[in-house]
Amino acid sequence: MTVIAVTRHAGARDWLARRGIQVDRHTEHLDVDLIQPGDTVIGTLPVHLAAEVCRRGARYLHLSLDLPAEYRGRELSTDDLERFNARLEAYRVLPADRDCKGA
């Protein structure tokens, strides 16, 4: 069981370390073919990748923030993440049984 952090941001990596969250592997881009049942993936993945992580029997923890619009697109420090209520939230993402037009 491997814990994988998917981020290109140093602030996020440092925030995880500051929180004492043990990460086995850091990567900027997720290769879903490497995900095994029981793994944990931490990041802000697009929904289709989060669904694939879950389909493969891994756990997905989303790094959520309450980010003001004026901070979007900026590199955030660890202190910024703290200020914007950074937290890990578990999600189980599954594709719908039918397309959105029929929902």
PDB file of N, CA and C in Angstrom:
ATOM      1  N   MET A   1       0.848  -1.176   0.000  1.00  0.00           N
ATOM      2  CA  MET A   1       0.000   0.000   0.000  1.00  0.00           C
ATOM      3  C   MET A   1       0.894   1.240   0.000  1.00  0.00           C
ATOM      4  N   THR A   2       0.770   2.014  -1.051  1.00  0.00           N
ATOM      5  CA  THR A   2       1.611   3.180  -1.276  1.00  0.00           C
ATOM      6  C   THR A   2       0.777   4.448  -1.181  1.00  0.00           C
ATOM      7  N   VAL A   3       1.358   5.478  -0.575  1.00  0.00           N
ATOM      8  CA  VAL A   3       0.722   6.801  -0.538  1.00  0.00           C
ATOM      9  C   VAL A   3       1.429   7.663  -1.581  1.00  0.00           C
ATOM     10  N   ILE A   4       0.643   8.158  -2.530  1.00  0.00           N
ATOM     11  CA  ILE A   4       1.171   8.932  -3.649  1.00  0.00           C
ATOM     12  C   ILE A   4       0.575  10.332  -3.589  1.00  0.00           C
ATOM     13  N   ALA A   5       1.424  11.345  -3.576  1.00  0.00           N
ATOM     14  CA  ALA A   5       0.974  12.741  -3.630  1.00  0.00           C
ATOM     15  C   ALA A   5       1.189  13.244  -5.049  1.00  0.00           C
ATOM     16  N   VAL A   6       0.115  13.719  -5.658  1.00  0.00           N
ATOM     17  CA  VAL A   6       0.168  14.220  -7.029  1.00  0.00           C
ATOM     18  C   VAL A   6       0.045  15.736  -6.988  1.00  0.00           C
ATOM     19  N   THR A   7       1.167  16.413  -7.168  1.00  0.00           N
ATOM     20  CA  THR A   7       1.162  17.877  -7.188  1.00  0.00           C
ATOM     21  C   THR A   7       2.464  18.379  -7.772  1.00  0.00           C
ATOM     22  N   ARG A   8       2.407  19.521  -8.420  1.00  0.00           N
ATOM     23  CA  ARG A   8       3.620  20.180  -8.901  1.00  0.00           C
ATOM     24  C   ARG A   8       3.988  21.357  -8.004  1.00  0.00           C
ATOM     25  N   HIS A   9       3.236  21.520  -6.915  1.00  0.00           N
ATOM     26  CA  HIS A   9       3.402  22.683  -6.050  1.00  0.00           C
ATOM     27  C   HIS A   9       4.191  22.354  -4.785  1.00  0.00           C
ATOM     28  N   ALA A  10       5.284  23.066  -4.584  1.00  0.00           N
ATOM     29  CA  ALA A  10       6.112  22.878  -3.389  1.00  0.00           C
ATOM     30  C   ALA A  10       5.325  23.175  -2.119  1.00  0.00           C
ATOM     31  N   GLY A  11       4.452  24.171  -2.156  1.00  0.00           N
ATOM     32  CA  GLY A  11       3.648  24.512  -0.988  1.00  0.00           C
ATOM     33  C   GLY A  11       2.782  23.347  -0.532  1.00  0.00           C
ATOM     34  N   ALA A  12       2.217  22.610  -1.470  1.00  0.00           N
ATOM     35  CA  ALA A  12       1.386  21.458  -1.121  1.00  0.00           C
ATOM     36  C   ALA A  12       2.242  20.335  -0.539  1.00  0.00           C
ATOM     37  N   ARG A  13       3.394  20.081  -1.139  1.00  0.00           N
ATOM     38  CA  ARG A  13       4.288  19.045  -0.598  1.00  0.00           C
ATOM     39  C   ARG A  13       4.717  19.404   0.828  1.00  0.00           C
ATOM     40  N   ASP A  14       5.063  20.676   1.034  1.00  0.00           N
ATOM     41  CA  ASP A  14       5.478  21.120   2.362  1.00  0.00           C
ATOM     42  C   ASP A  14       4.325  21.064   3.355  1.00  0.00           C
ATOM     43  N   TRP A  15       3.111  21.386   2.906  1.00  0.00           N
ATOM     44  CA  TRP A  15       1.940  21.329   3.779  1.00  0.00           C
ATOM     45  C   TRP A  15       1.713  19.896   4.270  1.00  0.00           C
ATOM     46  N   LEU A  16       1.835  18.924   3.373  1.00  0.00           N
ATOM     47  CA  LEU A  16       1.682  17.524   3.772  1.00  0.00           C
ATOM     48  C   LEU A  16       2.726  17.145   4.814  1.00  0.00           C
ATOM     49  N   ALA A  17       3.972  17.565   4.588  1.00  0.00           N
ATOM     50  CA  ALA A  17       5.047  17.256   5.540  1.00  0.00           C
ATOM     51  C   ALA A  17       4.789  17.933   6.877  1.00  0.00           C
ATOM     52  N   ARG A  18       4.351  19.180   6.838  1.00  0.00           N
ATOM     53  CA  ARG A  18       4.068  19.923   8.072  1.00  0.00           C
ATOM     54  C   ARG A  18       2.981  19.229   8.882  1.00  0.00           C
ATOM     55  N   ARG A  19       2.038  18.614   8.194  1.00  0.00           N
ATOM     56  CA  ARG A  19       0.945  17.903   8.857  1.00  0.00           C
ATOM     57  C   ARG A  19       1.347  16.496   9.306  1.00  0.00           C
ATOM     58  N   GLY A  20       2.561  16.091   8.983  1.00  0.00           N
ATOM     59  CA  GLY A  20       3.028  14.760   9.374  1.00  0.00           C
ATOM     60  C   GLY A  20       2.444  13.643   8.532  1.00  0.00           C
ATOM     61  N   ILE A  21       1.984  13.974   7.340  1.00  0.00           N
ATOM     62  CA  ILE A  21       1.405  12.968   6.451  1.00  0.00           C
ATOM     63  C   ILE A  21       2.545  12.288   5.697  1.00  0.00           C
ATOM     64  N   GLN A  22       2.668  10.988   5.901  1.00  0.00           N
ATOM     65  CA  GLN A  22       3.731  10.212   5.279  1.00  0.00           C
ATOM     66  C   GLN A  22       3.378   9.933   3.817  1.00  0.00           C
ATOM     67  N   VAL A  23       4.247  10.346   2.926  1.00  0.00           N
ATOM     68  CA  VAL A  23       4.051  10.128   1.494  1.00  0.00           C
ATOM     69  C   VAL A  23       5.200   9.263   0.997  1.00  0.00           C
ATOM     70  N   ASP A  24       4.851   8.195   0.289  1.00  0.00           N
ATOM     71  CA  ASP A  24       5.875   7.300  -0.252  1.00  0.00           C
ATOM     72  C   ASP A  24       6.441   7.799  -1.575  1.00  0.00           C
ATOM     73  N   ARG A  25       5.579   8.450  -2.359  1.00  0.00           N
ATOM     74  CA  ARG A  25       6.032   8.917  -3.673  1.00  0.00           C
ATOM     75  C   ARG A  25       5.337  10.223  -4.036  1.00  0.00           C
ATOM     76  N   HIS A  26       6.121  11.201  -4.460  1.00  0.00           N
ATOM     77  CA  HIS A  26       5.600  12.466  -4.992  1.00  0.00           C
ATOM     78  C   HIS A  26       5.736  12.408  -6.516  1.00  0.00           C
ATOM     79  N   THR A  27       4.705  12.894  -7.204  1.00  0.00           N
ATOM     80  CA  THR A  27       4.752  12.947  -8.657  1.00  0.00           C
ATOM     81  C   THR A  27       3.950  14.154  -9.134  1.00  0.00           C
ATOM     82  N   GLU A  28       4.341  14.699 -10.263  1.00  0.00           N
ATOM     83  CA  GLU A  28       3.597  15.825 -10.835  1.00  0.00           C
ATOM     84  C   GLU A  28       2.433  15.361 -11.695  1.00  0.00           C
ATOM     85  N   HIS A  29       2.532  14.157 -12.241  1.00  0.00           N
ATOM     86  CA  HIS A  29       1.490  13.611 -13.118  1.00  0.00           C
ATOM     87  C   HIS A  29       1.238  12.164 -12.730  1.00  0.00           C
ATOM     88  N   LEU A  30      -0.024  11.816 -12.572  1.00  0.00           N
ATOM     89  CA  LEU A  30      -0.391  10.476 -12.136  1.00  0.00           C
ATOM     90  C   LEU A  30      -0.408   9.503 -13.302  1.00  0.00           C
ATOM     91  N   ASP A  31       0.289   8.395 -13.137  1.00  0.00           N
ATOM     92  CA  ASP A  31       0.204   7.274 -14.069  1.00  0.00           C
ATOM     93  C   ASP A  31      -0.728   6.261 -13.419  1.00  0.00           C
ATOM     94  N   VAL A  32      -1.991   6.234 -13.843  1.00  0.00           N
ATOM     95  CA  VAL A  32      -2.983   5.375 -13.194  1.00  0.00           C
ATOM     96  C   VAL A  32      -2.643   3.896 -13.340  1.00  0.00           C
ATOM     97  N   ASP A  33      -1.829   3.545 -14.313  1.00  0.00           N
ATOM     98  CA  ASP A  33      -1.448   2.145 -14.480  1.00  0.00           C
ATOM     99  C   ASP A  33      -0.628   1.632 -13.296  1.00  0.00           C
ATOM    100  N   LEU A  34      -0.047   2.531 -12.519  1.00  0.00           N
ATOM    101  CA  LEU A  34       0.761   2.140 -11.362  1.00  0.00           C
ATOM    102  C   LEU A  34      -0.053   2.004 -10.082  1.00  0.00           C
ATOM    103  N   ILE A  35      -1.326   2.384 -10.111  1.00  0.00           N
ATOM    104  CA  ILE A  35      -2.172   2.359  -8.916  1.00  0.00           C
ATOM    105  C   ILE A  35      -2.595   0.926  -8.615  1.00  0.00           C
ATOM    106  N   GLN A  36      -2.420   0.541  -7.353  1.00  0.00           N
ATOM    107  CA  GLN A  36      -2.766  -0.800  -6.886  1.00  0.00           C
ATOM    108  C   GLN A  36      -3.876  -0.713  -5.838  1.00  0.00           C
ATOM    109  N   PRO A  37      -4.650  -1.771  -5.683  1.00  0.00           N
ATOM    110  CA  PRO A  37      -5.653  -1.790  -4.613  1.00  0.00           C
ATOM    111  C   PRO A  37      -4.985  -1.503  -3.266  1.00  0.00           C
ATOM    112  N   GLY A  38      -5.627  -0.657  -2.469  1.00  0.00           N
ATOM    113  CA  GLY A  38      -5.100  -0.314  -1.156  1.00  0.00           C
ATOM    114  C   GLY A  38      -4.203   0.911  -1.141  1.00  0.00           C
ATOM    115  N   ASP A  39      -3.783   1.395  -2.319  1.00  0.00           N
ATOM    116  CA  ASP A  39      -2.991   2.626  -2.384  1.00  0.00           C
ATOM    117  C   ASP A  39      -3.851   3.810  -1.962  1.00  0.00           C
ATOM    118  N   THR A  40      -3.200   4.904  -1.607  1.00  0.00           N
ATOM    119  CA  THR A  40      -3.869   6.173  -1.342  1.00  0.00           C
ATOM    120  C   THR A  40      -3.260   7.217  -2.255  1.00  0.00           C
ATOM    121  N   VAL A  41      -4.114   7.937  -2.962  1.00  0.00           N
ATOM    122  CA  VAL A  41      -3.674   9.010  -3.855  1.00  0.00           C
ATOM    123  C   VAL A  41      -4.192  10.325  -3.286  1.00  0.00           C
ATOM    124  N   ILE A  42      -3.268  11.275  -3.109  1.00  0.00           N
ATOM    125  CA  ILE A  42      -3.592  12.600  -2.580  1.00  0.00           C
ATOM    126  C   ILE A  42      -3.355  13.617  -3.678  1.00  0.00           C
ATOM    127  N   GLY A  43      -4.301  14.528  -3.890  1.00  0.00           N
ATOM    128  CA  GLY A  43      -4.094  15.571  -4.888  1.00  0.00           C
ATOM    129  C   GLY A  43      -5.368  16.320  -5.206  1.00  0.00           C
ATOM    130  N   THR A  44      -5.345  16.995  -6.333  1.00  0.00           N
ATOM    131  CA  THR A  44      -6.518  17.685  -6.868  1.00  0.00           C
ATOM    132  C   THR A  44      -6.708  17.194  -8.299  1.00  0.00           C
ATOM    133  N   LEU A  45      -7.114  15.957  -8.401  1.00  0.00           N
ATOM    134  CA  LEU A  45      -7.217  15.296  -9.699  1.00  0.00           C
ATOM    135  C   LEU A  45      -8.481  15.687 -10.458  1.00  0.00           C
ATOM    136  N   PRO A  46      -8.407  15.656 -11.791  1.00  0.00           N
ATOM    137  CA  PRO A  46      -9.639  15.759 -12.584  1.00  0.00           C
ATOM    138  C   PRO A  46     -10.540  14.570 -12.240  1.00  0.00           C
ATOM    139  N   VAL A  47     -11.823  14.762 -12.374  1.00  0.00           N
ATOM    140  CA  VAL A  47     -12.783  13.756 -11.925  1.00  0.00           C
ATOM    141  C   VAL A  47     -12.579  12.407 -12.617  1.00  0.00           C
ATOM    142  N   HIS A  48     -12.221  12.388 -13.894  1.00  0.00           N
ATOM    143  CA  HIS A  48     -12.054  11.097 -14.566  1.00  0.00           C
ATOM    144  C   HIS A  48     -10.853  10.326 -14.018  1.00  0.00           C
ATOM    145  N   LEU A  49      -9.807  11.019 -13.590  1.00  0.00           N
ATOM    146  CA  LEU A  49      -8.663  10.332 -12.980  1.00  0.00           C
ATOM    147  C   LEU A  49      -8.992   9.880 -11.559  1.00  0.00           C
ATOM    148  N   ALA A  50      -9.718  10.703 -10.820  1.00  0.00           N
ATOM    149  CA  ALA A  50     -10.140  10.295  -9.478  1.00  0.00           C
ATOM    150  C   ALA A  50     -11.021   9.049  -9.565  1.00  0.00           C
ATOM    151  N   ALA A  51     -11.901   8.993 -10.559  1.00  0.00           N
ATOM    152  CA  ALA A  51     -12.755   7.817 -10.748  1.00  0.00           C
ATOM    153  C   ALA A  51     -11.913   6.584 -11.070  1.00  0.00           C
ATOM    154  N   GLU A  52     -10.881   6.742 -11.863  1.00  0.00           N
ATOM    155  CA  GLU A  52     -10.020   5.608 -12.206  1.00  0.00           C
ATOM    156  C   GLU A  52      -9.241   5.123 -10.984  1.00  0.00           C
ATOM    157  N   VAL A  53      -8.795   6.036 -10.148  1.00  0.00           N
ATOM    158  CA  VAL A  53      -8.124   5.669  -8.894  1.00  0.00           C
ATOM    159  C   VAL A  53      -9.071   4.804  -8.059  1.00  0.00           C
ATOM    160  N   CYS A  54     -10.313   5.237  -7.922  1.00  0.00           N
ATOM    161  CA  CYS A  54     -11.293   4.495  -7.130  1.00  0.00           C
ATOM    162  C   CYS A  54     -11.625   3.155  -7.781  1.00  0.00           C
ATOM    163  N   ARG A  55     -11.746   3.130  -9.100  1.00  0.00           N
ATOM    164  CA  ARG A  55     -12.053   1.888  -9.824  1.00  0.00           C
ATOM    165  C   ARG A  55     -10.974   0.841  -9.585  1.00  0.00           C
ATOM    166  N   ARG A  56      -9.757   1.290  -9.413  1.00  0.00           N
ATOM    167  CA  ARG A  56      -8.633   0.376  -9.188  1.00  0.00           C
ATOM    168  C   ARG A  56      -8.494  -0.049  -7.722  1.00  0.00           C
ATOM    169  N   GLY A  57      -9.439   0.367  -6.870  1.00  0.00           N
ATOM    170  CA  GLY A  57      -9.441  -0.071  -5.483  1.00  0.00           C
ATOM    171  C   GLY A  57      -8.555   0.741  -4.562  1.00  0.00           C
ATOM    172  N   ALA A  58      -8.178   1.932  -5.005  1.00  0.00           N
ATOM    173  CA  ALA A  58      -7.363   2.823  -4.179  1.00  0.00           C
ATOM    174  C   ALA A  58      -8.260   3.878  -3.538  1.00  0.00           C
ATOM    175  N   ARG A  59      -7.712   4.566  -2.572  1.00  0.00           N
ATOM    176  CA  ARG A  59      -8.418   5.635  -1.865  1.00  0.00           C
ATOM    177  C   ARG A  59      -7.981   6.976  -2.447  1.00  0.00           C
ATOM    178  N   TYR A  60      -8.934   7.902  -2.639  1.00  0.00           N
ATOM    179  CA  TYR A  60      -8.615   9.232  -3.150  1.00  0.00           C
ATOM    180  C   TYR A  60      -8.887  10.281  -2.083  1.00  0.00           C
ATOM    181  N   LEU A  61      -7.847  11.032  -1.723  1.00  0.00           N
ATOM    182  CA  LEU A  61      -7.965  12.149  -0.796  1.00  0.00           C
ATOM    183  C   LEU A  61      -7.725  13.430  -1.567  1.00  0.00           C
ATOM    184  N   HIS A  62      -8.741  14.264  -1.624  1.00  0.00           N
ATOM    185  CA  HIS A  62      -8.675  15.519  -2.373  1.00  0.00           C
ATOM    186  C   HIS A  62      -8.136  16.629  -1.476  1.00  0.00           C
ATOM    187  N   LEU A  63      -7.140  17.350  -1.967  1.00  0.00           N
ATOM    188  CA  LEU A  63      -6.614  18.514  -1.241  1.00  0.00           C
ATOM    189  C   LEU A  63      -7.515  19.693  -1.568  1.00  0.00           C
ATOM    190  N   SER A  64      -8.398  20.006  -0.631  1.00  0.00           N
ATOM    191  CA  SER A  64      -9.387  21.067  -0.818  1.00  0.00           C
ATOM    192  C   SER A  64      -8.915  22.353  -0.162  1.00  0.00           C
ATOM    193  N   LEU A  65      -9.297  23.482  -0.759  1.00  0.00           N
ATOM    194  CA  LEU A  65      -8.983  24.816  -0.250  1.00  0.00           C
ATOM    195  C   LEU A  65     -10.216  25.691  -0.386  1.00  0.00           C
ATOM    196  N   ASP A  66     -10.314  26.691   0.474  1.00  0.00           N
ATOM    197  CA  ASP A  66     -11.309  27.748   0.314  1.00  0.00           C
ATOM    198  C   ASP A  66     -10.554  28.934  -0.279  1.00  0.00           C
ATOM    199  N   LEU A  67     -10.304  28.881  -1.565  1.00  0.00           N
ATOM    200  CA  LEU A  67      -9.402  29.806  -2.236  1.00  0.00           C
ATOM    201  C   LEU A  67     -10.149  31.003  -2.814  1.00  0.00           C
ATOM    202  N   PRO A  68      -9.804  32.213  -2.381  1.00  0.00           N
ATOM    203  CA  PRO A  68     -10.418  33.405  -2.967  1.00  0.00           C
ATOM    204  C   PRO A  68     -10.028  33.528  -4.445  1.00  0.00           C
ATOM    205  N   ALA A  69     -10.922  34.092  -5.224  1.00  0.00           N
ATOM    206  CA  ALA A  69     -10.695  34.198  -6.674  1.00  0.00           C
ATOM    207  C   ALA A  69      -9.389  34.894  -7.017  1.00  0.00           C
ATOM    208  N   GLU A  70      -9.015  35.885  -6.239  1.00  0.00           N
ATOM    209  CA  GLU A  70      -7.804  36.647  -6.570  1.00  0.00           C
ATOM    210  C   GLU A  70      -6.516  35.842  -6.360  1.00  0.00           C
ATOM    211  N   TYR A  71      -6.609  34.677  -5.736  1.00  0.00           N
ATOM    212  CA  TYR A  71      -5.427  33.832  -5.522  1.00  0.00           C
ATOM    213  C   TYR A  71      -5.329  32.691  -6.532  1.00  0.00           C
ATOM    214  N   ARG A  72      -6.325  32.533  -7.375  1.00  0.00           N
ATOM    215  CA  ARG A  72      -6.285  31.465  -8.378  1.00  0.00           C
ATOM    216  C   ARG A  72      -5.152  31.718  -9.362  1.00  0.00           C
ATOM    217  N   GLY A  73      -4.457  30.649  -9.705  1.00  0.00           N
ATOM    218  CA  GLY A  73      -3.369  30.742 -10.668  1.00  0.00           C
ATOM    219  C   GLY A  73      -2.044  31.172 -10.058  1.00  0.00           C
ATOM    220  N   ARG A  74      -2.012  31.428  -8.771  1.00  0.00           N
ATOM    221  CA  ARG A  74      -0.777  31.821  -8.088  1.00  0.00           C
ATOM    222  C   ARG A  74      -0.134  30.602  -7.436  1.00  0.00           C
ATOM    223  N   GLU A  75       1.170  30.667  -7.290  1.00  0.00           N
ATOM    224  CA  GLU A  75       1.869  29.649  -6.504  1.00  0.00           C
ATOM    225  C   GLU A  75       1.616  29.958  -5.035  1.00  0.00           C
ATOM    226  N   LEU A  76       1.126  28.978  -4.293  1.00  0.00           N
ATOM    227  CA  LEU A  76       0.758  29.179  -2.899  1.00  0.00           C
ATOM    228  C   LEU A  76       1.817  28.579  -1.982  1.00  0.00           C
ATOM    229  N   SER A  77       2.113  29.281  -0.911  1.00  0.00           N
ATOM    230  CA  SER A  77       3.040  28.785   0.095  1.00  0.00           C
ATOM    231  C   SER A  77       2.293  27.870   1.066  1.00  0.00           C
ATOM    232  N   THR A  78       3.047  27.223   1.910  1.00  0.00           N
ATOM    233  CA  THR A  78       2.438  26.393   2.945  1.00  0.00           C
ATOM    234  C   THR A  78       1.562  27.236   3.857  1.00  0.00           C
ATOM    235  N   ASP A  79       2.024  28.433   4.193  1.00  0.00           N
ATOM    236  CA  ASP A  79       1.219  29.334   5.031  1.00  0.00           C
ATOM    237  C   ASP A  79      -0.064  29.755   4.319  1.00  0.00           C
ATOM    238  N   ASP A  80       0.009  29.965   3.001  1.00  0.00           N
ATOM    239  CA  ASP A  80      -1.200  30.277   2.230  1.00  0.00           C
ATOM    240  C   ASP A  80      -2.200  29.132   2.337  1.00  0.00           C
ATOM    241  N   LEU A  81      -1.724  27.911   2.192  1.00  0.00           N
ATOM    242  CA  LEU A  81      -2.622  26.767   2.293  1.00  0.00           C
ATOM    243  C   LEU A  81      -3.299  26.718   3.657  1.00  0.00           C
ATOM    244  N   GLU A  82      -2.541  26.987   4.704  1.00  0.00           N
ATOM    245  CA  GLU A  82      -3.122  27.027   6.047  1.00  0.00           C
ATOM    246  C   GLU A  82      -4.194  28.111   6.139  1.00  0.00           C
ATOM    247  N   ARG A  83      -3.888  29.295   5.612  1.00  0.00           N
ATOM    248  CA  ARG A  83      -4.817  30.426   5.669  1.00  0.00           C
ATOM    249  C   ARG A  83      -6.111  30.128   4.918  1.00  0.00           C
ATOM    250  N   PHE A  84      -6.032  29.345   3.843  1.00  0.00           N
ATOM    251  CA  PHE A  84      -7.193  29.051   3.030  1.00  0.00           C
ATOM    252  C   PHE A  84      -7.827  27.701   3.383  1.00  0.00           C
ATOM    253  N   ASN A  85      -7.599  27.276   4.640  1.00  0.00           N
ATOM    254  CA  ASN A  85      -8.273  26.093   5.186  1.00  0.00           C
ATOM    255  C   ASN A  85      -7.998  24.825   4.385  1.00  0.00           C
ATOM    256  N   ALA A  86      -6.744  24.588   4.050  1.00  0.00           N
ATOM    257  CA  ALA A  86      -6.389  23.355   3.341  1.00  0.00           C
ATOM    258  C   ALA A  86      -6.762  22.158   4.197  1.00  0.00           C
ATOM    259  N   ARG A  87      -7.274  21.142   3.518  1.00  0.00           N
ATOM    260  CA  ARG A  87      -7.685  19.934   4.215  1.00  0.00           C
ATOM    261  C   ARG A  87      -7.758  18.793   3.208  1.00  0.00           C
ATOM    262  N   LEU A  88      -7.633  17.580   3.718  1.00  0.00           N
ATOM    263  CA  LEU A  88      -7.789  16.398   2.884  1.00  0.00           C
ATOM    264  C   LEU A  88      -9.189  15.843   3.106  1.00  0.00           C
ATOM    265  N   GLU A  89      -9.897  15.636   1.988  1.00  0.00           N
ATOM    266  CA  GLU A  89     -11.255  15.116   2.052  1.00  0.00           C
ATOM    267  C   GLU A  89     -11.322  13.852   1.208  1.00  0.00           C
ATOM    268  N   ALA A  90     -11.806  12.778   1.811  1.00  0.00           N
ATOM    269  CA  ALA A  90     -11.921  11.505   1.104  1.00  0.00           C
ATOM    270  C   ALA A  90     -13.120  11.533   0.161  1.00  0.00           C
ATOM    271  N   TYR A  91     -12.899  11.058  -1.055  1.00  0.00           N
ATOM    272  CA  TYR A  91     -13.972  10.947  -2.049  1.00  0.00           C
ATOM    273  C   TYR A  91     -13.934   9.578  -2.682  1.00  0.00           C
ATOM    274  N   ARG A  92     -15.095   9.083  -2.969  1.00  0.00           N
ATOM    275  CA  ARG A  92     -15.239   7.878  -3.782  1.00  0.00           C
ATOM    276  C   ARG A  92     -15.947   8.333  -5.046  1.00  0.00           C
ATOM    277  N   VAL A  93     -15.243   8.290  -6.154  1.00  0.00           N
ATOM    278  CA  VAL A  93     -15.768   8.815  -7.414  1.00  0.00           C
ATOM    279  C   VAL A  93     -16.080   7.645  -8.331  1.00  0.00           C
ATOM    280  N   LEU A  94     -17.328   7.588  -8.767  1.00  0.00           N
ATOM    281  CA  LEU A  94     -17.779   6.508  -9.639  1.00  0.00           C
ATOM    282  C   LEU A  94     -18.492   7.094 -10.848  1.00  0.00           C
ATOM    283  N   PRO A  95     -18.274   6.525 -12.025  1.00  0.00           N
ATOM    284  CA  PRO A  95     -19.010   7.014 -13.191  1.00  0.00           C
ATOM    285  C   PRO A  95     -20.499   6.689 -13.061  1.00  0.00           C
ATOM    286  N   ALA A  96     -21.316   7.542 -13.638  1.00  0.00           N
ATOM    287  CA  ALA A  96     -22.765   7.308 -13.634  1.00  0.00           C
ATOM    288  C   ALA A  96     -23.086   6.124 -14.539  1.00  0.00           C
ATOM    289  N   ASP A  97     -24.230   5.499 -14.289  1.00  0.00           N
ATOM    290  CA  ASP A  97     -24.655   4.372 -15.117  1.00  0.00           C
ATOM    291  C   ASP A  97     -25.153   4.818 -16.492  1.00  0.00           C
ATOM    292  N   ARG A  98     -25.487   6.080 -16.603  1.00  0.00           N
ATOM    293  CA  ARG A  98     -25.930   6.613 -17.904  1.00  0.00           C
ATOM    294  C   ARG A  98     -25.358   8.010 -18.093  1.00  0.00           C
ATOM    295  N   ASP A  99     -25.390   8.483 -19.298  1.00  0.00           N
ATOM    296  CA  ASP A  99     -24.783   9.795 -19.550  1.00  0.00           C
ATOM    297  C   ASP A  99     -25.609  10.913 -18.929  1.00  0.00           C
ATOM    298  N   CYS A 100     -25.026  12.088 -18.860  1.00  0.00           N
ATOM    299  CA  CYS A 100     -25.662  13.220 -18.183  1.00  0.00           C
ATOM    300  C   CYS A 100     -26.954  13.654 -18.857  1.00  0.00           C
ATOM    301  N   LYS A 101     -27.100  13.427 -20.153  1.00  0.00           N
ATOM    302  CA  LYS A 101     -28.318  13.841 -20.848  1.00  0.00           C
ATOM    303  C   LYS A 101     -29.538  13.121 -20.289  1.00  0.00           C
ATOM    304  N   GLY A 102     -29.330  11.896 -19.798  1.00  0.00           N
ATOM    305  CA  GLY A 102     -30.452  11.128 -19.295  1.00  0.00           C
ATOM    306  C   GLY A 102     -30.636  11.232 -17.799  1.00  0.00           C
ATOM    307  N   ALA A 103     -29.814  12.024 -17.145  1.00  0.00           N
ATOM    308  CA  ALA A 103     -29.891  12.095 -15.683  1.00  0.00           C
ATOM    309  C   ALA A 103     -31.102  12.848 -15.202  1.00  0.00           C
TER     310      ALA A 103
END
